[in-house]
Amino acid sequence: MSSRSHRRSHYLSLKRFRGSAKHGHSLDSPSEGFTIIELAIALAIFSVLAMLIMVTLNGFVQVQDQTLNRFYATSQAQNIIDRLGRDLRTAVTPTNVSGVTTPFVQVSPTEITFYANLGGAAPTELRAYITATTPGSPDCPCDFHEDEFSGGSWQTRIDGSYVTSQNPIATTTVFTFFAPPTSTNLSPTQISISQSGTSDQSVLNQIGLIGINLLTQIKPTSPLTTINTLIELRNVAFDPTQKAGS
């Protein structure tokens, strides 16, 4: 190799060495660790991923909560309807109560007072009604009750919470009343009952079917669930020899 080529090779090697030293690198070892910018980018990506995971998990929890609330509300409303339906199907006309010629004492869209054959020596007076969950409030949500008159006072028979919608009680309809089909009218005919109710026995005598409509909501953020049914009444006089429900 000539002396000129040797000097040129030495010059280039020295230049590369100086350039590497200027930028803080060694020719003998690669760069190590991350720069601040790289760490900031990694942290930002991690934060976004963590946020997405939390949002997804929170959505799953909310869906599960709503599903459980809907199941509980539906089960409670169905239980109320089943129990009240059984009592209404045993509705009978008492034979020893003055002025009462039907199974009903008084009815309204939010209350029914009637007599039922529960297997005793005399028919039992029952009352199904709603009250505001918040005492004194004119609005629902409301609690459902069925009381039994026993021993000279009303005793709780059924209690259910949050079983009607958010409508004002004054416009809430839990019960609807129908006259039974006839040979000339094959469909039940709805009987108009004012919100204040009626105890007129001539009107009550027309009732052959009762519709029950419950909108359940366990808490204000829960979805509304509607449960309804139509109960056909036997509308017969009380017979102490007949067992309840027969």
Foldseek 3Di string as FASTA:
>chain_A
DDPVVVVVVVVVVVVVQVVQVVVPHHPVDDDDDDDPVVVVVVVVVVVVVVVVVVVVVVVVVVVVVLVVQQVVQVVQLVVVCVVVLLFQQQQAFWPPDPPTPWQFQWDAQFKTWGWGFQQDQTTKIKMWGWDAPPPPDQWDPIKIWMWICDPNRTHTDDIGGQWADGGGLQPDGFKWFWAAADPVGNDTHTDDAHRVIDRPNVSVVRGFKMKGWTWGGPDPVHDTDIDMDMHGYPTYHDDSVDHRPD
